[in-house]
Amino acid sequence: MNVSAEHKKAKREQILSEGLRLMHGQGYNATGIKDITDAAGIPKGSFYNYFNSKEDFAVAAMQFYYDLYSASDEDALRDSQLPPLERLRALFERRRVAVVERQNFSRGCFINNMCQEMADHGGTISQNISRHIRNSRFAMAACLAEAQQRGDIAADYDVEQLAQFIDNAWKGVITTAKAEHSEADFDGFMNLVFNKLLR
């Protein structure tokens, strides 16, 4: 990669980082292209050297977020050094810390936020939201299948449906926790999932 290409890649990542921070905090519809370029310190017209549209930026921002956070979550679910249910519990504990301690209940999961705001709009954004959700659930289902093979959870569970249920429950917990600035629903989720459902 030549110097010019490296510079363009670095600048694109800077725009993604700054734009993601804004869009994660205030939502897709409340974030304009000028907001993104102002945050990145570039002229508004330069935005189109890196992205075709705001929608194109949002799709790239979801991938950028996935690469920063979700990909490592999925890798952790495949870590054979820990039993599968311990991996799963650790995943949700890390997510809880992110929402409560690092974000102070202010943002939650960017892809979940995009799902709530944009999933019914159709098009490329909706397709990419669905893709990221499927990838996350696939990794969780694989972890649950391993737990099932070990005899750690009931043999008659459909692990794909179980992963879908747990993922949906978690999204609801984040939404309520943000609204109420309370950890109570996290406690209920962890108790019901790990002490009742997965036993």
N, C-alpha and C. Protein backbone atom coordinates (compact mmCIF):
# COMPACT_ATOMS: atom_id res chain seq x y z
N MET A 1 0.85 -1.20 0.00
CA MET A 1 0.00 0.00 0.00
C MET A 1 0.89 1.25 0.00
N ASN A 2 0.68 2.16 -0.96
CA ASN A 2 1.51 3.35 -1.03
C ASN A 2 1.10 4.36 0.03
N VAL A 3 1.92 5.44 0.14
CA VAL A 3 1.69 6.42 1.19
C VAL A 3 0.32 7.07 1.05
N SER A 4 -0.07 7.39 -0.19
CA SER A 4 -1.37 8.03 -0.42
C SER A 4 -2.52 7.12 0.00
N ALA A 5 -2.42 5.84 -0.33
CA ALA A 5 -3.46 4.88 0.04
C ALA A 5 -3.50 4.69 1.55
N GLU A 6 -2.34 4.65 2.18
CA GLU A 6 -2.28 4.52 3.64
C GLU A 6 -2.90 5.74 4.32
N HIS A 7 -2.61 6.93 3.76
CA HIS A 7 -3.17 8.16 4.32
C HIS A 7 -4.69 8.16 4.19
N LYS A 8 -5.19 7.73 3.03
CA LYS A 8 -6.63 7.71 2.82
C LYS A 8 -7.31 6.71 3.76
N LYS A 9 -6.66 5.55 3.96
CA LYS A 9 -7.21 4.55 4.88
C LYS A 9 -7.25 5.09 6.31
N ALA A 10 -6.16 5.76 6.72
CA ALA A 10 -6.12 6.32 8.08
C ALA A 10 -7.17 7.41 8.25
N LYS A 11 -7.33 8.25 7.24
CA LYS A 11 -8.34 9.32 7.32
C LYS A 11 -9.75 8.74 7.36
N ARG A 12 -9.98 7.70 6.56
CA ARG A 12 -11.30 7.07 6.56
C ARG A 12 -11.62 6.50 7.94
N GLU A 13 -10.63 5.86 8.57
CA GLU A 13 -10.84 5.30 9.91
C GLU A 13 -11.08 6.40 10.93
N GLN A 14 -10.42 7.54 10.76
CA GLN A 14 -10.66 8.67 11.67
C GLN A 14 -12.10 9.16 11.54
N ILE A 15 -12.56 9.28 10.30
CA ILE A 15 -13.94 9.73 10.07
C ILE A 15 -14.92 8.72 10.66
N LEU A 16 -14.64 7.43 10.45
CA LEU A 16 -15.50 6.39 11.01
C LEU A 16 -15.53 6.45 12.53
N SER A 17 -14.37 6.63 13.14
CA SER A 17 -14.29 6.66 14.59
C SER A 17 -15.08 7.84 15.16
N GLU A 18 -14.89 9.02 14.59
CA GLU A 18 -15.58 10.21 15.08
C GLU A 18 -17.08 10.14 14.77
N GLY A 19 -17.40 9.70 13.56
CA GLY A 19 -18.81 9.60 13.18
C GLY A 19 -19.55 8.54 13.96
N LEU A 20 -18.89 7.42 14.23
CA LEU A 20 -19.50 6.37 15.05
C LEU A 20 -19.78 6.88 16.45
N ARG A 21 -18.83 7.62 17.02
CA ARG A 21 -19.03 8.17 18.37
C ARG A 21 -20.29 9.05 18.41
N LEU A 22 -20.45 9.89 17.39
CA LEU A 22 -21.63 10.75 17.34
C LEU A 22 -22.91 9.95 17.13
N MET A 23 -22.89 9.08 16.12
CA MET A 23 -24.10 8.34 15.77
C MET A 23 -24.50 7.38 16.88
N HIS A 24 -23.52 6.82 17.57
CA HIS A 24 -23.80 5.92 18.69
C HIS A 24 -24.48 6.69 19.82
N GLY A 25 -24.06 7.94 20.01
CA GLY A 25 -24.61 8.71 21.11
C GLY A 25 -25.96 9.35 20.82
N GLN A 26 -26.17 9.79 19.57
CA GLN A 26 -27.40 10.56 19.31
C GLN A 26 -28.30 9.95 18.24
N GLY A 27 -27.87 8.84 17.62
CA GLY A 27 -28.72 8.16 16.67
C GLY A 27 -28.42 8.54 15.23
N TYR A 28 -28.94 7.71 14.33
CA TYR A 28 -28.72 7.92 12.89
C TYR A 28 -29.40 9.19 12.40
N ASN A 29 -30.67 9.34 12.69
CA ASN A 29 -31.43 10.46 12.14
C ASN A 29 -30.97 11.81 12.68
N ALA A 30 -30.46 11.83 13.89
CA ALA A 30 -30.02 13.09 14.50
C ALA A 30 -28.59 13.46 14.13
N THR A 31 -27.91 12.61 13.38
CA THR A 31 -26.52 12.85 13.01
C THR A 31 -26.44 13.16 11.52
N GLY A 32 -26.06 14.37 11.19
CA GLY A 32 -25.92 14.77 9.80
C GLY A 32 -24.50 14.58 9.29
N ILE A 33 -24.36 14.63 7.99
CA ILE A 33 -23.03 14.50 7.40
C ILE A 33 -22.12 15.63 7.90
N LYS A 34 -22.65 16.84 8.02
CA LYS A 34 -21.83 17.95 8.50
C LYS A 34 -21.38 17.71 9.95
N ASP A 35 -22.24 17.11 10.76
CA ASP A 35 -21.83 16.76 12.13
C ASP A 35 -20.61 15.84 12.10
N ILE A 36 -20.66 14.86 11.20
CA ILE A 36 -19.57 13.88 11.10
C ILE A 36 -18.29 14.56 10.62
N THR A 37 -18.40 15.37 9.57
CA THR A 37 -17.19 16.02 9.03
C THR A 37 -16.63 17.05 10.00
N ASP A 38 -17.49 17.75 10.72
CA ASP A 38 -17.00 18.70 11.72
C ASP A 38 -16.22 17.98 12.81
N ALA A 39 -16.77 16.85 13.26
CA ALA A 39 -16.10 16.07 14.31
C ALA A 39 -14.76 15.53 13.83
N ALA A 40 -14.71 15.16 12.54
CA ALA A 40 -13.47 14.60 11.97
C ALA A 40 -12.50 15.69 11.52
N GLY A 41 -12.96 16.95 11.50
CA GLY A 41 -12.08 18.06 11.11
C GLY A 41 -11.79 18.11 9.62
N ILE A 42 -12.79 17.77 8.80
CA ILE A 42 -12.62 17.83 7.36
C ILE A 42 -13.76 18.64 6.75
N PRO A 43 -13.56 19.20 5.55
CA PRO A 43 -14.65 19.89 4.87
C PRO A 43 -15.77 18.91 4.53
N LYS A 44 -17.01 19.41 4.52
CA LYS A 44 -18.15 18.54 4.26
C LYS A 44 -18.02 17.82 2.92
N GLY A 45 -17.54 18.53 1.91
CA GLY A 45 -17.41 17.92 0.58
C GLY A 45 -16.44 16.75 0.54
N SER A 46 -15.47 16.74 1.47
CA SER A 46 -14.48 15.66 1.48
C SER A 46 -15.08 14.33 1.92
N PHE A 47 -16.24 14.39 2.59
CA PHE A 47 -16.92 13.17 3.03
C PHE A 47 -17.10 12.21 1.87
N TYR A 48 -17.41 12.75 0.70
CA TYR A 48 -17.74 11.90 -0.44
C TYR A 48 -16.51 11.30 -1.12
N ASN A 49 -15.33 11.66 -0.64
CA ASN A 49 -14.12 10.97 -1.08
C ASN A 49 -13.99 9.61 -0.41
N TYR A 50 -14.75 9.42 0.67
CA TYR A 50 -14.62 8.20 1.47
C TYR A 50 -15.91 7.38 1.52
N PHE A 51 -17.05 8.04 1.40
CA PHE A 51 -18.35 7.36 1.49
C PHE A 51 -19.29 7.92 0.44
N ASN A 52 -20.11 7.05 -0.11
CA ASN A 52 -21.04 7.47 -1.16
C ASN A 52 -22.23 8.25 -0.62
N SER A 53 -22.59 7.99 0.63
CA SER A 53 -23.79 8.59 1.21
C SER A 53 -23.74 8.39 2.73
N LYS A 54 -24.68 9.00 3.41
CA LYS A 54 -24.81 8.78 4.86
C LYS A 54 -25.15 7.32 5.14
N GLU A 55 -25.99 6.71 4.31
CA GLU A 55 -26.33 5.29 4.47
C GLU A 55 -25.09 4.43 4.32
N ASP A 56 -24.26 4.74 3.33
CA ASP A 56 -23.01 4.01 3.12
C ASP A 56 -22.12 4.15 4.35
N PHE A 57 -22.06 5.36 4.92
CA PHE A 57 -21.28 5.57 6.14
C PHE A 57 -21.81 4.71 7.28
N ALA A 58 -23.13 4.66 7.45
CA ALA A 58 -23.72 3.91 8.55
C ALA A 58 -23.39 2.42 8.45
N VAL A 59 -23.43 1.89 7.23
CA VAL A 59 -23.07 0.48 7.03
C VAL A 59 -21.60 0.25 7.41
N ALA A 60 -20.74 1.16 6.98
CA ALA A 60 -19.32 1.05 7.32
C ALA A 60 -19.10 1.21 8.82
N ALA A 61 -19.88 2.10 9.45
CA ALA A 61 -19.74 2.32 10.89
C ALA A 61 -20.15 1.07 11.68
N MET A 62 -21.19 0.38 11.21
CA MET A 62 -21.59 -0.87 11.87
C MET A 62 -20.48 -1.91 11.77
N GLN A 63 -19.84 -1.99 10.59
CA GLN A 63 -18.74 -2.95 10.43
C GLN A 63 -17.55 -2.55 11.31
N PHE A 64 -17.28 -1.25 11.38
CA PHE A 64 -16.19 -0.73 12.22
C PHE A 64 -16.45 -1.08 13.68
N TYR A 65 -17.68 -0.88 14.12
CA TYR A 65 -18.07 -1.23 15.49
C TYR A 65 -17.93 -2.73 15.72
N TYR A 66 -18.40 -3.51 14.76
CA TYR A 66 -18.29 -4.97 14.87
C TYR A 66 -16.83 -5.38 15.02
N ASP A 67 -15.95 -4.81 14.20
CA ASP A 67 -14.53 -5.17 14.26
C ASP A 67 -13.92 -4.78 15.59
N LEU A 68 -14.40 -3.68 16.19
CA LEU A 68 -13.84 -3.22 17.46
C LEU A 68 -14.33 -4.05 18.65
N TYR A 69 -15.60 -4.46 18.61
CA TYR A 69 -16.22 -5.07 19.79
C TYR A 69 -16.80 -6.47 19.55
N SER A 70 -17.70 -6.58 18.61
CA SER A 70 -18.44 -7.84 18.45
C SER A 70 -17.57 -8.99 18.01
N ALA A 71 -16.60 -8.73 17.14
CA ALA A 71 -15.73 -9.81 16.66
C ALA A 71 -14.99 -10.45 17.83
N SER A 72 -14.51 -9.64 18.77
CA SER A 72 -13.80 -10.20 19.93
C SER A 72 -14.75 -10.97 20.84
N ASP A 73 -16.02 -10.52 20.92
CA ASP A 73 -17.02 -11.27 21.69
C ASP A 73 -17.21 -12.66 21.09
N GLU A 74 -17.32 -12.71 19.78
CA GLU A 74 -17.53 -14.00 19.11
C GLU A 74 -16.31 -14.90 19.26
N ASP A 75 -15.12 -14.31 19.20
CA ASP A 75 -13.89 -15.10 19.42
C ASP A 75 -13.88 -15.66 20.83
N ALA A 76 -14.32 -14.87 21.81
CA ALA A 76 -14.34 -15.32 23.21
C ALA A 76 -15.30 -16.49 23.39
N LEU A 77 -16.39 -16.51 22.64
CA LEU A 77 -17.35 -17.62 22.74
C LEU A 77 -16.76 -18.91 22.18
N ARG A 78 -15.71 -18.81 21.39
CA ARG A 78 -15.09 -20.01 20.80
C ARG A 78 -13.84 -20.45 21.57
N ASP A 79 -13.51 -19.77 22.65
CA ASP A 79 -12.30 -20.05 23.40
C ASP A 79 -12.45 -21.36 24.19
N SER A 80 -11.83 -22.39 23.70
CA SER A 80 -12.01 -23.73 24.28
C SER A 80 -11.31 -23.90 25.63
N GLN A 81 -10.57 -22.89 26.09
CA GLN A 81 -9.89 -23.00 27.38
C GLN A 81 -10.87 -22.88 28.55
N LEU A 82 -12.07 -22.35 28.27
CA LEU A 82 -13.10 -22.24 29.30
C LEU A 82 -14.30 -23.09 28.91
N PRO A 83 -15.04 -23.65 29.88
CA PRO A 83 -16.29 -24.34 29.55
C PRO A 83 -17.26 -23.37 28.86
N PRO A 84 -18.10 -23.87 27.97
CA PRO A 84 -18.94 -22.98 27.16
C PRO A 84 -19.85 -22.05 27.96
N LEU A 85 -20.46 -22.54 29.03
CA LEU A 85 -21.36 -21.66 29.78
C LEU A 85 -20.59 -20.57 30.56
N GLU A 86 -19.35 -20.88 30.93
CA GLU A 86 -18.51 -19.85 31.56
C GLU A 86 -18.16 -18.77 30.55
N ARG A 87 -17.92 -19.18 29.30
CA ARG A 87 -17.64 -18.21 28.24
C ARG A 87 -18.84 -17.29 28.03
N LEU A 88 -20.02 -17.90 28.01
CA LEU A 88 -21.23 -17.13 27.76
C LEU A 88 -21.51 -16.16 28.91
N ARG A 89 -21.35 -16.64 30.13
CA ARG A 89 -21.55 -15.77 31.29
C ARG A 89 -20.55 -14.60 31.26
N ALA A 90 -19.30 -14.89 30.96
CA ALA A 90 -18.27 -13.85 30.90
C ALA A 90 -18.59 -12.82 29.83
N LEU A 91 -19.17 -13.26 28.72
CA LEU A 91 -19.56 -12.34 27.65
C LEU A 91 -20.57 -11.32 28.15
N PHE A 92 -21.61 -11.80 28.82
CA PHE A 92 -22.64 -10.88 29.29
C PHE A 92 -22.16 -10.01 30.45
N GLU A 93 -21.24 -10.53 31.25
CA GLU A 93 -20.66 -9.69 32.30
C GLU A 93 -19.84 -8.55 31.69
N ARG A 94 -19.09 -8.84 30.61
CA ARG A 94 -18.32 -7.79 29.93
C ARG A 94 -19.26 -6.75 29.31
N ARG A 95 -20.33 -7.23 28.72
CA ARG A 95 -21.29 -6.30 28.11
C ARG A 95 -21.94 -5.42 29.18
N ARG A 96 -22.23 -6.02 30.31
CA ARG A 96 -22.83 -5.27 31.42
C ARG A 96 -21.88 -4.16 31.87
N VAL A 97 -20.62 -4.49 32.04
CA VAL A 97 -19.62 -3.49 32.46
C VAL A 97 -19.55 -2.36 31.44
N ALA A 98 -19.61 -2.71 30.16
CA ALA A 98 -19.55 -1.68 29.12
C ALA A 98 -20.70 -0.70 29.24
N VAL A 99 -21.90 -1.21 29.46
CA VAL A 99 -23.08 -0.34 29.54
C VAL A 99 -23.08 0.47 30.83
N VAL A 100 -22.78 -0.19 31.94
CA VAL A 100 -22.93 0.46 33.26
C VAL A 100 -21.73 1.34 33.59
N GLU A 101 -20.53 0.81 33.47
CA GLU A 101 -19.35 1.52 33.95
C GLU A 101 -18.72 2.42 32.89
N ARG A 102 -18.57 1.91 31.66
CA ARG A 102 -17.91 2.71 30.64
C ARG A 102 -18.85 3.72 29.98
N GLN A 103 -20.13 3.35 29.83
CA GLN A 103 -21.05 4.24 29.13
C GLN A 103 -22.03 4.96 30.07
N ASN A 104 -22.06 4.58 31.32
CA ASN A 104 -22.98 5.18 32.29
C ASN A 104 -24.42 5.17 31.77
N PHE A 105 -24.82 4.03 31.22
CA PHE A 105 -26.19 3.79 30.72
C PHE A 105 -26.56 4.69 29.52
N SER A 106 -25.57 5.25 28.85
CA SER A 106 -25.90 6.27 27.87
C SER A 106 -26.03 5.77 26.43
N ARG A 107 -25.40 4.65 26.08
CA ARG A 107 -25.40 4.27 24.66
C ARG A 107 -25.84 2.85 24.39
N GLY A 108 -25.30 1.88 25.09
CA GLY A 108 -25.63 0.49 24.79
C GLY A 108 -24.93 0.01 23.53
N CYS A 109 -25.52 -0.96 22.87
CA CYS A 109 -24.93 -1.56 21.67
C CYS A 109 -25.33 -0.74 20.44
N PHE A 110 -24.36 -0.31 19.66
CA PHE A 110 -24.63 0.52 18.48
C PHE A 110 -25.51 -0.21 17.48
N ILE A 111 -25.24 -1.49 17.24
CA ILE A 111 -26.03 -2.23 16.25
C ILE A 111 -27.45 -2.42 16.75
N ASN A 112 -27.62 -2.65 18.05
CA ASN A 112 -28.96 -2.73 18.63
C ASN A 112 -29.70 -1.40 18.49
N ASN A 113 -28.99 -0.30 18.73
CA ASN A 113 -29.59 1.02 18.56
C ASN A 113 -30.04 1.24 17.11
N MET A 114 -29.18 0.85 16.18
CA MET A 114 -29.53 0.98 14.76
C MET A 114 -30.73 0.12 14.42
N CYS A 115 -30.81 -1.05 15.04
CA CYS A 115 -31.95 -1.94 14.80
C CYS A 115 -33.25 -1.27 15.25
N GLN A 116 -33.23 -0.66 16.43
CA GLN A 116 -34.43 -0.01 16.94
C GLN A 116 -34.84 1.17 16.08
N GLU A 117 -33.87 1.89 15.56
CA GLU A 117 -34.16 3.12 14.82
C GLU A 117 -34.41 2.89 13.33
N MET A 118 -33.71 1.91 12.73
CA MET A 118 -33.66 1.86 11.28
C MET A 118 -34.08 0.53 10.66
N ALA A 119 -34.36 -0.50 11.46
CA ALA A 119 -34.60 -1.83 10.90
C ALA A 119 -35.79 -1.87 9.95
N ASP A 120 -36.79 -1.03 10.17
CA ASP A 120 -37.98 -1.08 9.33
C ASP A 120 -37.89 -0.16 8.11
N HIS A 121 -36.72 0.43 7.89
CA HIS A 121 -36.56 1.32 6.76
C HIS A 121 -36.17 0.57 5.48
N GLY A 122 -35.80 -0.69 5.61
CA GLY A 122 -35.41 -1.47 4.44
C GLY A 122 -34.04 -1.06 3.93
N GLY A 123 -33.67 -1.63 2.79
CA GLY A 123 -32.42 -1.24 2.14
C GLY A 123 -31.19 -1.83 2.78
N THR A 124 -30.05 -1.23 2.44
CA THR A 124 -28.75 -1.76 2.82
C THR A 124 -28.54 -1.75 4.33
N ILE A 125 -29.02 -0.71 5.00
CA ILE A 125 -28.83 -0.64 6.45
C ILE A 125 -29.53 -1.81 7.13
N SER A 126 -30.78 -2.05 6.77
CA SER A 126 -31.53 -3.16 7.37
C SER A 126 -30.86 -4.50 7.10
N GLN A 127 -30.39 -4.68 5.88
CA GLN A 127 -29.72 -5.94 5.52
C GLN A 127 -28.48 -6.16 6.37
N ASN A 128 -27.73 -5.10 6.61
CA ASN A 128 -26.51 -5.24 7.40
C ASN A 128 -26.80 -5.40 8.88
N ILE A 129 -27.85 -4.78 9.38
CA ILE A 129 -28.27 -5.02 10.75
C ILE A 129 -28.58 -6.51 10.93
N SER A 130 -29.36 -7.06 10.01
CA SER A 130 -29.73 -8.48 10.07
C SER A 130 -28.50 -9.37 10.02
N ARG A 131 -27.55 -9.02 9.17
CA ARG A 131 -26.33 -9.84 9.04
C ARG A 131 -25.56 -9.86 10.35
N HIS A 132 -25.39 -8.72 10.98
CA HIS A 132 -24.64 -8.67 12.24
C HIS A 132 -25.37 -9.43 13.34
N ILE A 133 -26.70 -9.32 13.39
CA ILE A 133 -27.47 -10.05 14.39
C ILE A 133 -27.32 -11.55 14.18
N ARG A 134 -27.42 -12.00 12.92
CA ARG A 134 -27.28 -13.43 12.63
C ARG A 134 -25.90 -13.94 13.03
N ASN A 135 -24.86 -13.18 12.74
CA ASN A 135 -23.50 -13.60 13.09
C ASN A 135 -23.35 -13.76 14.60
N SER A 136 -23.90 -12.81 15.35
CA SER A 136 -23.81 -12.86 16.80
C SER A 136 -24.55 -14.07 17.35
N ARG A 137 -25.74 -14.32 16.83
CA ARG A 137 -26.54 -15.46 17.31
C ARG A 137 -25.92 -16.79 16.90
N PHE A 138 -25.30 -16.82 15.74
CA PHE A 138 -24.65 -18.06 15.29
C PHE A 138 -23.54 -18.45 16.26
N ALA A 139 -22.72 -17.47 16.67
CA ALA A 139 -21.63 -17.76 17.61
C ALA A 139 -22.18 -18.22 18.95
N MET A 140 -23.28 -17.59 19.40
CA MET A 140 -23.89 -17.98 20.67
C MET A 140 -24.49 -19.39 20.57
N ALA A 141 -25.16 -19.69 19.46
CA ALA A 141 -25.75 -21.01 19.28
C ALA A 141 -24.68 -22.09 19.26
N ALA A 142 -23.54 -21.81 18.64
CA ALA A 142 -22.44 -22.78 18.59
C ALA A 142 -21.91 -23.05 19.99
N CYS A 143 -21.82 -22.00 20.81
CA CYS A 143 -21.37 -22.15 22.19
C CYS A 143 -22.37 -22.99 22.99
N LEU A 144 -23.66 -22.73 22.79
CA LEU A 144 -24.70 -23.48 23.47
C LEU A 144 -24.73 -24.94 23.00
N ALA A 145 -24.47 -25.18 21.72
CA ALA A 145 -24.41 -26.55 21.21
C ALA A 145 -23.29 -27.33 21.87
N GLU A 146 -22.17 -26.66 22.10
CA GLU A 146 -21.06 -27.31 22.79
C GLU A 146 -21.45 -27.64 24.23
N ALA A 147 -22.15 -26.71 24.88
CA ALA A 147 -22.61 -26.98 26.25
C ALA A 147 -23.58 -28.16 26.26
N GLN A 148 -24.40 -28.24 25.26
CA GLN A 148 -25.37 -29.34 25.15
C GLN A 148 -24.65 -30.68 24.96
N GLN A 149 -23.62 -30.69 24.14
CA GLN A 149 -22.86 -31.92 23.91
C GLN A 149 -22.16 -32.39 25.18
N ARG A 150 -21.80 -31.45 26.04
CA ARG A 150 -21.16 -31.80 27.32
C ARG A 150 -22.17 -32.24 28.37
N GLY A 151 -23.46 -32.06 28.08
CA GLY A 151 -24.49 -32.37 29.05
C GLY A 151 -24.75 -31.26 30.05
N ASP A 152 -24.28 -30.05 29.73
CA ASP A 152 -24.44 -28.93 30.66
C ASP A 152 -25.83 -28.31 30.58
N ILE A 153 -26.52 -28.47 29.46
CA ILE A 153 -27.89 -27.97 29.32
C ILE A 153 -28.75 -29.09 28.73
N ALA A 154 -30.05 -28.91 28.78
CA ALA A 154 -30.98 -29.96 28.36
C ALA A 154 -30.76 -30.37 26.90
N ALA A 155 -30.85 -31.67 26.66
CA ALA A 155 -30.60 -32.21 25.32
C ALA A 155 -31.70 -31.84 24.33
N ASP A 156 -32.89 -31.51 24.82
CA ASP A 156 -34.00 -31.23 23.91
C ASP A 156 -34.11 -29.74 23.53
N TYR A 157 -33.20 -28.91 23.99
CA TYR A 157 -33.21 -27.51 23.59
C TYR A 157 -32.84 -27.38 22.11
N ASP A 158 -33.54 -26.52 21.40
CA ASP A 158 -33.11 -26.08 20.08
C ASP A 158 -32.15 -24.91 20.32
N VAL A 159 -30.87 -25.11 20.11
CA VAL A 159 -29.88 -24.10 20.52
C VAL A 159 -29.99 -22.82 19.70
N GLU A 160 -30.47 -22.92 18.46
CA GLU A 160 -30.65 -21.70 17.66
C GLU A 160 -31.78 -20.85 18.23
N GLN A 161 -32.88 -21.50 18.59
CA GLN A 161 -33.99 -20.75 19.21
C GLN A 161 -33.57 -20.21 20.58
N LEU A 162 -32.78 -20.98 21.30
CA LEU A 162 -32.31 -20.55 22.61
C LEU A 162 -31.42 -19.31 22.49
N ALA A 163 -30.52 -19.34 21.52
CA ALA A 163 -29.64 -18.18 21.28
C ALA A 163 -30.47 -16.96 20.89
N GLN A 164 -31.48 -17.16 20.06
CA GLN A 164 -32.35 -16.06 19.65
C GLN A 164 -33.08 -15.47 20.85
N PHE A 165 -33.60 -16.34 21.72
CA PHE A 165 -34.33 -15.88 22.90
C PHE A 165 -33.42 -15.09 23.84
N ILE A 166 -32.22 -15.62 24.10
CA ILE A 166 -31.30 -14.95 25.01
C ILE A 166 -30.86 -13.61 24.44
N ASP A 167 -30.59 -13.59 23.14
CA ASP A 167 -30.18 -12.34 22.49
C ASP A 167 -31.28 -11.29 22.56
N ASN A 168 -32.53 -11.71 22.29
CA ASN A 168 -33.65 -10.76 22.36
C ASN A 168 -33.86 -10.26 23.79
N ALA A 169 -33.73 -11.17 24.76
CA ALA A 169 -33.89 -10.77 26.16
C ALA A 169 -32.82 -9.75 26.55
N TRP A 170 -31.61 -9.99 26.10
CA TRP A 170 -30.51 -9.07 26.43
C TRP A 170 -30.76 -7.68 25.84
N LYS A 171 -31.24 -7.64 24.61
CA LYS A 171 -31.53 -6.34 23.98
C LYS A 171 -32.60 -5.59 24.79
N GLY A 172 -33.60 -6.31 25.27
CA GLY A 172 -34.61 -5.67 26.10
C GLY A 172 -34.04 -5.15 27.40
N VAL A 173 -33.14 -5.91 27.99
CA VAL A 173 -32.50 -5.50 29.24
C VAL A 173 -31.72 -4.21 29.04
N ILE A 174 -30.95 -4.12 27.96
CA ILE A 174 -30.17 -2.91 27.70
C ILE A 174 -31.10 -1.70 27.56
N THR A 175 -32.18 -1.87 26.80
CA THR A 175 -33.10 -0.76 26.57
C THR A 175 -33.70 -0.27 27.88
N THR A 176 -34.14 -1.19 28.74
CA THR A 176 -34.73 -0.80 30.02
C THR A 176 -33.69 -0.19 30.95
N ALA A 177 -32.50 -0.77 30.98
CA ALA A 177 -31.44 -0.24 31.85
C ALA A 177 -31.08 1.18 31.47
N LYS A 178 -31.02 1.47 30.17
CA LYS A 178 -30.72 2.83 29.71
C LYS A 178 -31.83 3.79 30.14
N ALA A 179 -33.07 3.35 30.02
CA ALA A 179 -34.20 4.22 30.36
C ALA A 179 -34.26 4.51 31.85
N GLU A 180 -33.96 3.50 32.67
CA GLU A 180 -34.12 3.63 34.12
C GLU A 180 -32.82 3.90 34.87
N HIS A 181 -31.67 3.84 34.14
CA HIS A 181 -30.36 4.00 34.79
C HIS A 181 -30.25 3.07 36.00
N SER A 182 -30.58 1.81 35.76
CA SER A 182 -30.61 0.84 36.85
C SER A 182 -30.02 -0.49 36.38
N GLU A 183 -29.33 -1.17 37.30
CA GLU A 183 -28.76 -2.48 37.00
C GLU A 183 -29.71 -3.62 37.34
N ALA A 184 -30.89 -3.31 37.84
CA ALA A 184 -31.79 -4.35 38.35
C ALA A 184 -32.11 -5.39 37.28
N ASP A 185 -32.38 -4.95 36.06
CA ASP A 185 -32.73 -5.91 35.02
C ASP A 185 -31.54 -6.78 34.61
N PHE A 186 -30.32 -6.25 34.73
CA PHE A 186 -29.15 -7.08 34.48
C PHE A 186 -29.10 -8.24 35.47
N ASP A 187 -29.36 -7.93 36.75
CA ASP A 187 -29.34 -8.97 37.78
C ASP A 187 -30.40 -10.04 37.47
N GLY A 188 -31.59 -9.60 37.09
CA GLY A 188 -32.65 -10.55 36.76
C GLY A 188 -32.30 -11.40 35.56
N PHE A 189 -31.72 -10.78 34.55
CA PHE A 189 -31.32 -11.52 33.35
C PHE A 189 -30.29 -12.60 33.69
N MET A 190 -29.24 -12.21 34.40
CA MET A 190 -28.18 -13.17 34.72
C MET A 190 -28.72 -14.31 35.58
N ASN A 191 -29.59 -14.00 36.53
CA ASN A 191 -30.14 -15.04 37.39
C ASN A 191 -31.01 -16.01 36.61
N LEU A 192 -31.92 -15.47 35.81
CA LEU A 192 -32.85 -16.34 35.08
C LEU A 192 -32.14 -17.16 34.00
N VAL A 193 -31.23 -16.52 33.28
CA VAL A 193 -30.55 -17.24 32.19
C VAL A 193 -29.61 -18.32 32.74
N PHE A 194 -28.77 -17.95 33.72
CA PHE A 194 -27.70 -18.86 34.12
C PHE A 194 -28.06 -19.75 35.31
N ASN A 195 -29.03 -19.32 36.12
CA ASN A 195 -29.41 -20.15 37.27
C ASN A 195 -30.69 -20.94 37.05
N LYS A 196 -31.47 -20.57 36.04
CA LYS A 196 -32.73 -21.26 35.78
C LYS A 196 -32.76 -21.91 34.39
N LEU A 197 -32.52 -21.12 33.36
CA LEU A 197 -32.67 -21.61 32.00
C LEU A 197 -31.54 -22.55 31.59
N LEU A 198 -30.30 -22.14 31.86
CA LEU A 198 -29.13 -22.93 31.42
C LEU A 198 -28.60 -23.75 32.59
N ARG A 199 -29.36 -24.77 32.95
CA ARG A 199 -28.90 -25.62 34.05
C ARG A 199 -29.32 -27.07 33.80
